[in-house]
Amino acid sequence: MAERFAGRVVVITGASAGIGAATARRFVTEGARVVLAARGVSELEGLARELGGARALAVPTDVSDAAAAKALLERAVAGFGAINILVNNAGYNRRGVVEHAPAEDLARIVDVNLRAPIVLTRLAIPYLRRAGGGAIVNVASIAGRIPLPEEATYSATKFGLRAFTFALAEELQGSGITVSAVSPGPVETGFILKDLEEVPDVVFSQPMSTADDIAKLILECAADGSIERAHPASSAYLATLGYLVPQLPRLLRPFLERQGRAAKQAYIAKRTTGAR
């Protein structure tokens, strides 16, 4: 495989597992050095050892803490000399209706999913300019194209992250810094699997992707600067259609929920029995 990112330094948030870890592995395979940020210290350090000390630096970080975000970038430059690519992947969710959600959970969803990537991006831009340009890739969601009940705040943050991405791309046009969004549908990671019963049935009406499917898109965006890539394409088209024709989701919801409920129960059974 050609080393498209040879000599590049990539900062990845939410890097201890799932999409973040898969992205780190792919970047290293293609020649990059990676700075791994997440709150899960043991997982983060384990991944850094797997990838090799010369290629990976683990920096335990709570991205919602602005001081910690600043320190993360300073550690990246101290360790590897520059920052060329920023991947804002860290995410948080607490499912359920807004009325019953603890206020602190709603605030943390906004802090981690929206405020943190905005602040970290703002802090990273001078480093990218100093390096002669680079790429910012924000991991959004299909939920940022069409809102999901029981995930209202999460959907709102992903709508906001897409809007931030598109506007910032215009602001930085001609600077040598590209800004992209990657918008996945449901992904087979702990983000969904750890609380399957709480995930709305309608989510399972869409095809499930793997973390590596999304990692591939992140690298493609970092390479060519495309404004957005979504996966699976069928879910992206359906979400866009639903956004343009607001009555459509309500008409389709009973069918999608029935379809999703059956798929969800099959998924739960598979995980419970260990069947393949």
C-alpha atoms as a PDB file:
ATOM      1  CA  MET A   1       0.000   0.000   0.000  1.00  0.00           C
ATOM      2  CA  ALA A   2       1.303   3.460  -0.895  1.00  0.00           C
ATOM      3  CA  GLU A   3       2.215   5.520   2.146  1.00  0.00           C
ATOM      4  CA  ARG A   4       0.013   8.542   1.420  1.00  0.00           C
ATOM      5  CA  PHE A   5       0.667  10.018   4.841  1.00  0.00           C
ATOM      6  CA  ALA A   6       4.392   9.383   5.200  1.00  0.00           C
ATOM      7  CA  GLY A   7       5.877  11.911   7.608  1.00  0.00           C
ATOM      8  CA  ARG A   8       2.471  13.296   8.597  1.00  0.00           C
ATOM      9  CA  VAL A   9       1.443  13.739  12.228  1.00  0.00           C
ATOM     10  CA  VAL A  10      -2.200  12.989  12.995  1.00  0.00           C
ATOM     11  CA  VAL A  11      -4.039  13.888  16.202  1.00  0.00           C
ATOM     12  CA  ILE A  12      -7.052  11.605  16.785  1.00  0.00           C
ATOM     13  CA  THR A  13      -9.579  12.084  19.578  1.00  0.00           C
ATOM     14  CA  GLY A  14     -11.704   9.217  20.860  1.00  0.00           C
ATOM     15  CA  ALA A  15      -8.783   7.019  19.820  1.00  0.00           C
ATOM     16  CA  SER A  16      -8.894   4.263  22.443  1.00  0.00           C
ATOM     17  CA  ALA A  17     -11.434   2.059  20.633  1.00  0.00           C
ATOM     18  CA  GLY A  18     -13.892   1.800  17.764  1.00  0.00           C
ATOM     19  CA  ILE A  19     -13.591   4.263  14.890  1.00  0.00           C
ATOM     20  CA  GLY A  20     -10.726   6.152  16.497  1.00  0.00           C
ATOM     21  CA  ALA A  21      -8.572   3.065  17.002  1.00  0.00           C
ATOM     22  CA  ALA A  22      -9.330   1.772  13.499  1.00  0.00           C
ATOM     23  CA  THR A  23      -8.380   5.166  12.078  1.00  0.00           C
ATOM     24  CA  ALA A  24      -5.093   5.205  13.989  1.00  0.00           C
ATOM     25  CA  ARG A  25      -4.188   1.754  12.659  1.00  0.00           C
ATOM     26  CA  ARG A  26      -4.875   2.817   9.084  1.00  0.00           C
ATOM     27  CA  PHE A  27      -2.887   6.043   9.360  1.00  0.00           C
ATOM     28  CA  VAL A  28       0.126   4.183  10.770  1.00  0.00           C
ATOM     29  CA  THR A  29      -0.138   1.594   7.990  1.00  0.00           C
ATOM     30  CA  GLU A  30       0.071   4.473   5.519  1.00  0.00           C
ATOM     31  CA  GLY A  31       3.155   6.027   7.033  1.00  0.00           C
ATOM     32  CA  ALA A  32       1.794   8.541   9.548  1.00  0.00           C
ATOM     33  CA  ARG A  33       2.660   9.074  13.185  1.00  0.00           C
ATOM     34  CA  VAL A  34      -0.375   9.323  15.429  1.00  0.00           C
ATOM     35  CA  VAL A  35      -1.171  11.150  18.647  1.00  0.00           C
ATOM     36  CA  LEU A  36      -3.886   9.214  20.456  1.00  0.00           C
ATOM     37  CA  ALA A  37      -6.286  11.094  22.733  1.00  0.00           C
ATOM     38  CA  ALA A  38      -9.046   9.627  24.887  1.00  0.00           C
ATOM     39  CA  ARG A  39     -10.053   9.241  28.530  1.00  0.00           C
ATOM     40  CA  GLY A  40      -9.525   5.456  28.622  1.00  0.00           C
ATOM     41  CA  VAL A  41      -5.905   5.383  29.740  1.00  0.00           C
ATOM     42  CA  SER A  42      -5.209   1.621  29.684  1.00  0.00           C
ATOM     43  CA  GLU A  43      -6.863   1.124  26.272  1.00  0.00           C
ATOM     44  CA  LEU A  44      -5.068   4.148  24.868  1.00  0.00           C
ATOM     45  CA  GLU A  45      -1.663   3.038  26.095  1.00  0.00           C
ATOM     46  CA  GLY A  46      -2.313  -0.509  24.859  1.00  0.00           C
ATOM     47  CA  LEU A  47      -3.042   0.784  21.362  1.00  0.00           C
ATOM     48  CA  ALA A  48       0.086   2.957  21.427  1.00  0.00           C
ATOM     49  CA  ARG A  49       2.181  -0.115  22.288  1.00  0.00           C
ATOM     50  CA  GLU A  50       0.519  -2.081  19.494  1.00  0.00           C
ATOM     51  CA  LEU A  51       1.315   0.632  16.953  1.00  0.00           C
ATOM     52  CA  GLY A  52       4.884   1.153  18.169  1.00  0.00           C
ATOM     53  CA  GLY A  53       6.489   3.844  20.276  1.00  0.00           C
ATOM     54  CA  ALA A  54       8.135   5.558  17.309  1.00  0.00           C
ATOM     55  CA  ARG A  55       4.792   5.826  15.540  1.00  0.00           C
ATOM     56  CA  ALA A  56       2.264   6.460  18.309  1.00  0.00           C
ATOM     57  CA  LEU A  57       2.006   8.758  21.303  1.00  0.00           C
ATOM     58  CA  ALA A  58      -0.736   8.241  23.906  1.00  0.00           C
ATOM     59  CA  VAL A  59      -2.010  11.434  25.537  1.00  0.00           C
ATOM     60  CA  PRO A  60      -4.899  10.755  27.976  1.00  0.00           C
ATOM     61  CA  THR A  61      -7.261  13.674  27.450  1.00  0.00           C
ATOM     62  CA  ASP A  62     -10.771  14.811  28.297  1.00  0.00           C
ATOM     63  CA  VAL A  63     -11.476  16.805  25.145  1.00  0.00           C
ATOM     64  CA  SER A  64     -14.261  18.752  26.852  1.00  0.00           C
ATOM     65  CA  ASP A  65     -11.588  20.420  29.025  1.00  0.00           C
ATOM     66  CA  ALA A  66     -10.149  23.330  26.999  1.00  0.00           C
ATOM     67  CA  ALA A  67      -6.905  23.340  28.985  1.00  0.00           C
ATOM     68  CA  ALA A  68      -6.464  19.616  28.338  1.00  0.00           C
ATOM     69  CA  ALA A  69      -7.137  20.172  24.627  1.00  0.00           C
ATOM     70  CA  LYS A  70      -4.430  22.823  24.509  1.00  0.00           C
ATOM     71  CA  ALA A  71      -2.029  20.520  26.333  1.00  0.00           C
ATOM     72  CA  LEU A  72      -2.811  17.704  23.879  1.00  0.00           C
ATOM     73  CA  LEU A  73      -1.653  19.783  20.917  1.00  0.00           C
ATOM     74  CA  GLU A  74       1.436  20.968  22.773  1.00  0.00           C
ATOM     75  CA  ARG A  75       2.348  17.329  23.571  1.00  0.00           C
ATOM     76  CA  ALA A  76       1.833  16.390  19.917  1.00  0.00           C
ATOM     77  CA  VAL A  77       4.263  19.060  18.729  1.00  0.00           C
ATOM     78  CA  ALA A  78       6.750  18.310  21.506  1.00  0.00           C
ATOM     79  CA  GLY A  79       6.658  14.611  20.638  1.00  0.00           C
ATOM     80  CA  PHE A  80       6.551  14.676  16.845  1.00  0.00           C
ATOM     81  CA  GLY A  81       7.435  18.234  15.834  1.00  0.00           C
ATOM     82  CA  ALA A  82       4.258  19.259  14.001  1.00  0.00           C
ATOM     83  CA  ILE A  83       0.551  18.651  13.472  1.00  0.00           C
ATOM     84  CA  ASN A  84      -0.672  17.978   9.933  1.00  0.00           C
ATOM     85  CA  ILE A  85      -4.083  16.361  10.437  1.00  0.00           C
ATOM     86  CA  LEU A  86      -6.736  16.608  13.162  1.00  0.00           C
ATOM     87  CA  VAL A  87      -9.472  13.988  13.450  1.00  0.00           C
ATOM     88  CA  ASN A  88     -12.282  15.055  15.792  1.00  0.00           C
ATOM     89  CA  ASN A  89     -13.808  11.676  16.547  1.00  0.00           C
ATOM     90  CA  ALA A  90     -14.591  11.711  20.289  1.00  0.00           C
ATOM     91  CA  GLY A  91     -18.301  11.341  20.972  1.00  0.00           C
ATOM     92  CA  TYR A  92     -20.753  10.882  23.813  1.00  0.00           C
ATOM     93  CA  ASN A  93     -24.422   9.967  23.959  1.00  0.00           C
ATOM     94  CA  ARG A  94     -27.109   9.273  26.546  1.00  0.00           C
ATOM     95  CA  ARG A  95     -30.234   7.934  24.906  1.00  0.00           C
ATOM     96  CA  GLY A  96     -33.785   8.652  25.996  1.00  0.00           C
ATOM     97  CA  VAL A  97     -36.389  11.371  25.832  1.00  0.00           C
ATOM     98  CA  VAL A  98     -35.155  14.849  26.697  1.00  0.00           C
ATOM     99  CA  GLU A  99     -37.760  15.326  29.436  1.00  0.00           C
ATOM    100  CA  HIS A 100     -36.297  12.513  31.517  1.00  0.00           C
ATOM    101  CA  ALA A 101     -32.609  13.075  30.798  1.00  0.00           C
ATOM    102  CA  PRO A 102     -30.373  14.454  33.561  1.00  0.00           C
ATOM    103  CA  ALA A 103     -29.324  17.999  32.689  1.00  0.00           C
ATOM    104  CA  GLU A 104     -25.668  17.133  33.211  1.00  0.00           C
ATOM    105  CA  ASP A 105     -25.893  14.372  30.582  1.00  0.00           C
ATOM    106  CA  LEU A 106     -27.396  16.750  28.036  1.00  0.00           C
ATOM    107  CA  ALA A 107     -24.643  19.261  28.766  1.00  0.00           C
ATOM    108  CA  ARG A 108     -21.931  16.635  28.342  1.00  0.00           C
ATOM    109  CA  ILE A 109     -23.333  15.541  24.957  1.00  0.00           C
ATOM    110  CA  VAL A 110     -23.061  19.138  23.763  1.00  0.00           C
ATOM    111  CA  ASP A 111     -19.633  19.615  25.349  1.00  0.00           C
ATOM    112  CA  VAL A 112     -18.012  16.494  23.880  1.00  0.00           C
ATOM    113  CA  ASN A 113     -19.736  16.336  20.487  1.00  0.00           C
ATOM    114  CA  LEU A 114     -19.850  20.010  19.544  1.00  0.00           C
ATOM    115  CA  ARG A 115     -18.044  22.426  21.829  1.00  0.00           C
ATOM    116  CA  ALA A 116     -14.905  20.278  22.135  1.00  0.00           C
ATOM    117  CA  PRO A 117     -14.262  19.821  18.392  1.00  0.00           C
ATOM    118  CA  ILE A 118     -14.880  23.524  17.781  1.00  0.00           C
ATOM    119  CA  VAL A 119     -12.420  24.528  20.502  1.00  0.00           C
ATOM    120  CA  LEU A 120      -9.805  21.922  19.527  1.00  0.00           C
ATOM    121  CA  THR A 121     -10.060  22.905  15.870  1.00  0.00           C
ATOM    122  CA  ARG A 122      -9.589  26.569  16.754  1.00  0.00           C
ATOM    123  CA  LEU A 123      -6.491  25.667  18.766  1.00  0.00           C
ATOM    124  CA  ALA A 124      -5.131  23.405  16.013  1.00  0.00           C
ATOM    125  CA  ILE A 125      -5.437  25.789  13.053  1.00  0.00           C
ATOM    126  CA  PRO A 126      -2.265  27.789  13.869  1.00  0.00           C
ATOM    127  CA  TYR A 127      -0.283  24.531  14.051  1.00  0.00           C
ATOM    128  CA  LEU A 128      -1.669  23.417  10.677  1.00  0.00           C
ATOM    129  CA  ARG A 129      -0.765  26.785   9.150  1.00  0.00           C
ATOM    130  CA  ARG A 130       2.739  26.496  10.589  1.00  0.00           C
ATOM    131  CA  ALA A 131       3.068  23.058   8.965  1.00  0.00           C
ATOM    132  CA  GLY A 132       2.131  24.548   5.582  1.00  0.00           C
ATOM    133  CA  GLY A 133      -1.429  23.256   5.526  1.00  0.00           C
ATOM    134  CA  GLY A 134      -3.221  20.063   6.415  1.00  0.00           C
ATOM    135  CA  ALA A 135      -6.623  18.556   7.052  1.00  0.00           C
ATOM    136  CA  ILE A 136      -9.356  18.600   9.669  1.00  0.00           C
ATOM    137  CA  VAL A 137     -11.830  15.708   9.613  1.00  0.00           C
ATOM    138  CA  ASN A 138     -14.891  15.822  11.866  1.00  0.00           C
ATOM    139  CA  VAL A 139     -16.809  12.611  12.537  1.00  0.00           C
ATOM    140  CA  ALA A 140     -20.452  13.632  12.319  1.00  0.00           C
ATOM    141  CA  SER A 141     -23.387  11.241  11.753  1.00  0.00           C
ATOM    142  CA  ILE A 142     -26.333  10.445   9.536  1.00  0.00           C
ATOM    143  CA  ALA A 143     -28.215  11.685  12.618  1.00  0.00           C
ATOM    144  CA  GLY A 144     -26.799  15.075  11.637  1.00  0.00           C
ATOM    145  CA  ARG A 145     -28.843  14.949   8.433  1.00  0.00           C
ATOM    146  CA  ILE A 146     -32.155  13.879   9.922  1.00  0.00           C
ATOM    147  CA  PRO A 147     -33.058  14.082  13.632  1.00  0.00           C
ATOM    148  CA  LEU A 148     -33.791  11.000  15.705  1.00  0.00           C
ATOM    149  CA  PRO A 149     -36.322  11.014  18.556  1.00  0.00           C
ATOM    150  CA  GLU A 150     -34.826   9.735  21.823  1.00  0.00           C
ATOM    151  CA  GLU A 151     -31.516  11.075  20.528  1.00  0.00           C
ATOM    152  CA  ALA A 152     -32.574  14.700  20.140  1.00  0.00           C
ATOM    153  CA  THR A 153     -29.544  16.316  21.747  1.00  0.00           C
ATOM    154  CA  TYR A 154     -27.122  13.967  19.984  1.00  0.00           C
ATOM    155  CA  SER A 155     -28.777  14.765  16.637  1.00  0.00           C
ATOM    156  CA  ALA A 156     -28.567  18.478  17.410  1.00  0.00           C
ATOM    157  CA  THR A 157     -24.817  18.262  18.078  1.00  0.00           C
ATOM    158  CA  LYS A 158     -24.190  16.374  14.840  1.00  0.00           C
ATOM    159  CA  PHE A 159     -26.274  18.865  12.850  1.00  0.00           C
ATOM    160  CA  GLY A 160     -24.147  21.569  14.464  1.00  0.00           C
ATOM    161  CA  LEU A 161     -20.874  19.790  13.707  1.00  0.00           C
ATOM    162  CA  ARG A 162     -21.794  19.456  10.022  1.00  0.00           C
ATOM    163  CA  ALA A 163     -22.719  23.150   9.871  1.00  0.00           C
ATOM    164  CA  PHE A 164     -19.426  24.071  11.554  1.00  0.00           C
ATOM    165  CA  THR A 165     -17.527  21.878   9.080  1.00  0.00           C
ATOM    166  CA  PHE A 166     -19.119  23.409   5.998  1.00  0.00           C
ATOM    167  CA  ALA A 167     -18.744  26.994   7.219  1.00  0.00           C
ATOM    168  CA  LEU A 168     -15.139  26.522   8.347  1.00  0.00           C
ATOM    169  CA  ALA A 169     -14.236  24.948   5.002  1.00  0.00           C
ATOM    170  CA  GLU A 170     -15.344  28.204   3.375  1.00  0.00           C
ATOM    171  CA  GLU A 171     -13.402  30.299   5.880  1.00  0.00           C
ATOM    172  CA  LEU A 172     -10.201  28.346   5.240  1.00  0.00           C
ATOM    173  CA  GLN A 173     -10.535  28.139   1.468  1.00  0.00           C
ATOM    174  CA  GLY A 174      -7.182  28.898  -0.121  1.00  0.00           C
ATOM    175  CA  SER A 175      -5.261  28.370   3.133  1.00  0.00           C
ATOM    176  CA  GLY A 176      -4.063  24.870   2.327  1.00  0.00           C
ATOM    177  CA  ILE A 177      -6.214  23.503   5.162  1.00  0.00           C
ATOM    178  CA  THR A 178      -9.171  21.333   4.175  1.00  0.00           C
ATOM    179  CA  VAL A 179     -12.150  20.634   6.420  1.00  0.00           C
ATOM    180  CA  SER A 180     -14.314  17.544   5.978  1.00  0.00           C
ATOM    181  CA  ALA A 181     -17.145  15.672   7.672  1.00  0.00           C
ATOM    182  CA  VAL A 182     -17.562  11.912   7.739  1.00  0.00           C
ATOM    183  CA  SER A 183     -21.164  10.931   8.472  1.00  0.00           C
ATOM    184  CA  PRO A 184     -21.738   7.287   9.390  1.00  0.00           C
ATOM    185  CA  GLY A 185     -24.964   5.501  10.058  1.00  0.00           C
ATOM    186  CA  PRO A 186     -24.978   2.858  12.823  1.00  0.00           C
ATOM    187  CA  VAL A 187     -21.516   1.420  13.439  1.00  0.00           C
ATOM    188  CA  GLU A 188     -20.719  -1.891  15.097  1.00  0.00           C
ATOM    189  CA  THR A 189     -18.751  -0.482  18.035  1.00  0.00           C
ATOM    190  CA  GLY A 190     -19.236  -0.145  21.778  1.00  0.00           C
ATOM    191  CA  PHE A 191     -20.953   3.200  21.149  1.00  0.00           C
ATOM    192  CA  ILE A 192     -24.036   1.154  20.184  1.00  0.00           C
ATOM    193  CA  LEU A 193     -23.256  -2.351  21.407  1.00  0.00           C
ATOM    194  CA  LYS A 194     -22.742  -1.474  25.066  1.00  0.00           C
ATOM    195  CA  ASP A 195     -26.406  -0.520  25.494  1.00  0.00           C
ATOM    196  CA  LEU A 196     -28.259  -2.261  22.680  1.00  0.00           C
ATOM    197  CA  GLU A 197     -31.568  -2.261  24.524  1.00  0.00           C
ATOM    198  CA  GLU A 198     -31.543   1.541  24.768  1.00  0.00           C
ATOM    199  CA  VAL A 199     -30.848   2.195  21.090  1.00  0.00           C
ATOM    200  CA  PRO A 200     -34.045   3.249  19.235  1.00  0.00           C
ATOM    201  CA  ASP A 201     -35.385   0.449  17.036  1.00  0.00           C
ATOM    202  CA  VAL A 202     -35.354   2.657  13.941  1.00  0.00           C
ATOM    203  CA  VAL A 203     -31.541   2.825  14.069  1.00  0.00           C
ATOM    204  CA  PHE A 204     -31.355  -0.895  13.240  1.00  0.00           C
ATOM    205  CA  SER A 205     -33.446  -0.443  10.111  1.00  0.00           C
ATOM    206  CA  GLN A 206     -30.240   0.774   8.450  1.00  0.00           C
ATOM    207  CA  PRO A 207     -27.233  -1.365   7.473  1.00  0.00           C
ATOM    208  CA  MET A 208     -24.551  -1.655  10.151  1.00  0.00           C
ATOM    209  CA  SER A 209     -21.034  -0.528   9.240  1.00  0.00           C
ATOM    210  CA  THR A 210     -17.730  -1.531  10.803  1.00  0.00           C
ATOM    211  CA  ALA A 211     -15.281   0.853  12.439  1.00  0.00           C
ATOM    212  CA  ASP A 212     -12.848   0.153   9.612  1.00  0.00           C
ATOM    213  CA  ASP A 213     -15.454   1.157   7.000  1.00  0.00           C
ATOM    214  CA  ILE A 214     -15.552   4.602   8.583  1.00  0.00           C
ATOM    215  CA  ALA A 215     -11.785   4.776   9.105  1.00  0.00           C
ATOM    216  CA  LYS A 216     -11.322   4.347   5.352  1.00  0.00           C
ATOM    217  CA  LEU A 217     -13.558   7.360   4.711  1.00  0.00           C
ATOM    218  CA  ILE A 218     -11.643   9.464   7.246  1.00  0.00           C
ATOM    219  CA  LEU A 219      -8.370   8.761   5.454  1.00  0.00           C
ATOM    220  CA  GLU A 220      -9.927   9.514   2.072  1.00  0.00           C
ATOM    221  CA  CYS A 221     -11.144  12.887   3.323  1.00  0.00           C
ATOM    222  CA  ALA A 222      -7.755  13.658   4.852  1.00  0.00           C
ATOM    223  CA  ALA A 223      -6.155  12.822   1.512  1.00  0.00           C
ATOM    224  CA  ASP A 224      -8.417  14.701  -0.904  1.00  0.00           C
ATOM    225  CA  GLY A 225     -10.282  17.242   1.260  1.00  0.00           C
ATOM    226  CA  SER A 226     -13.780  16.238   0.127  1.00  0.00           C
ATOM    227  CA  ILE A 227     -16.335  18.196   2.126  1.00  0.00           C
ATOM    228  CA  GLU A 228     -18.300  15.117   3.237  1.00  0.00           C
ATOM    229  CA  ARG A 229     -18.422  11.360   2.882  1.00  0.00           C
ATOM    230  CA  ALA A 230     -21.266   9.265   4.293  1.00  0.00           C
ATOM    231  CA  HIS A 231     -21.720   5.539   4.803  1.00  0.00           C
ATOM    232  CA  PRO A 232     -23.768   3.604   3.953  1.00  0.00           C
ATOM    233  CA  ALA A 233     -24.823   5.582   0.901  1.00  0.00           C
ATOM    234  CA  SER A 234     -28.390   4.243   1.045  1.00  0.00           C
ATOM    235  CA  SER A 235     -28.901   5.629   4.562  1.00  0.00           C
ATOM    236  CA  ALA A 236     -27.432   8.978   3.544  1.00  0.00           C
ATOM    237  CA  TYR A 237     -29.796   9.283   0.596  1.00  0.00           C
ATOM    238  CA  LEU A 238     -32.789   8.313   2.732  1.00  0.00           C
ATOM    239  CA  ALA A 239     -31.817  10.834   5.416  1.00  0.00           C
ATOM    240  CA  THR A 240     -31.382  13.626   2.873  1.00  0.00           C
ATOM    241  CA  LEU A 241     -34.734  12.811   1.312  1.00  0.00           C
ATOM    242  CA  GLY A 242     -36.342  12.853   4.749  1.00  0.00           C
ATOM    243  CA  TYR A 243     -34.774  16.232   5.492  1.00  0.00           C
ATOM    244  CA  LEU A 244     -36.082  17.692   2.221  1.00  0.00           C
ATOM    245  CA  VAL A 245     -39.546  16.148   2.636  1.00  0.00           C
ATOM    246  CA  PRO A 246     -40.259  16.328   6.395  1.00  0.00           C
ATOM    247  CA  GLN A 247     -43.510  14.369   6.123  1.00  0.00           C
ATOM    248  CA  LEU A 248     -41.702  11.335   4.733  1.00  0.00           C
ATOM    249  CA  PRO A 249     -39.968  10.165   7.937  1.00  0.00           C
ATOM    250  CA  ARG A 250     -43.263  10.188   9.825  1.00  0.00           C
ATOM    251  CA  LEU A 251     -44.925   8.158   7.096  1.00  0.00           C
ATOM    252  CA  LEU A 252     -42.073   5.647   6.937  1.00  0.00           C
ATOM    253  CA  ARG A 253     -41.333   5.463  10.658  1.00  0.00           C
ATOM    254  CA  PRO A 254     -43.784   2.632  11.543  1.00  0.00           C
ATOM    255  CA  PHE A 255     -42.345   0.454   8.777  1.00  0.00           C
ATOM    256  CA  LEU A 256     -38.731   1.324   9.651  1.00  0.00           C
ATOM    257  CA  GLU A 257     -39.344   0.691  13.355  1.00  0.00           C
ATOM    258  CA  ARG A 258     -40.816  -2.757  12.650  1.00  0.00           C
ATOM    259  CA  GLN A 259     -37.903  -3.579  10.379  1.00  0.00           C
ATOM    260  CA  GLY A 260     -35.403  -2.233  12.896  1.00  0.00           C
ATOM    261  CA  ARG A 261     -37.015  -4.029  15.846  1.00  0.00           C
ATOM    262  CA  ALA A 262     -36.637  -7.379  14.109  1.00  0.00           C
ATOM    263  CA  ALA A 263     -33.023  -6.656  13.178  1.00  0.00           C
ATOM    264  CA  LYS A 264     -32.267  -5.442  16.702  1.00  0.00           C
ATOM    265  CA  GLN A 265     -33.684  -8.565  18.328  1.00  0.00           C
ATOM    266  CA  ALA A 266     -31.689 -10.759  15.954  1.00  0.00           C
ATOM    267  CA  TYR A 267     -28.568  -8.779  16.832  1.00  0.00           C
ATOM    268  CA  ILE A 268     -29.197  -9.138  20.561  1.00  0.00           C
ATOM    269  CA  ALA A 269     -29.789 -12.863  20.170  1.00  0.00           C
ATOM    270  CA  LYS A 270     -26.594 -13.226  18.171  1.00  0.00           C
ATOM    271  CA  ARG A 271     -24.549 -11.457  20.829  1.00  0.00           C
ATOM    272  CA  THR A 272     -26.234 -13.390  23.643  1.00  0.00           C
ATOM    273  CA  THR A 273     -25.651 -16.824  22.122  1.00  0.00           C
ATOM    274  CA  GLY A 274     -22.359 -16.028  20.408  1.00  0.00           C
ATOM    275  CA  ALA A 275     -23.842 -17.372  17.171  1.00  0.00           C
ATOM    276  CA  ARG A 276     -22.305 -16.428  13.833  1.00  0.00           C
END
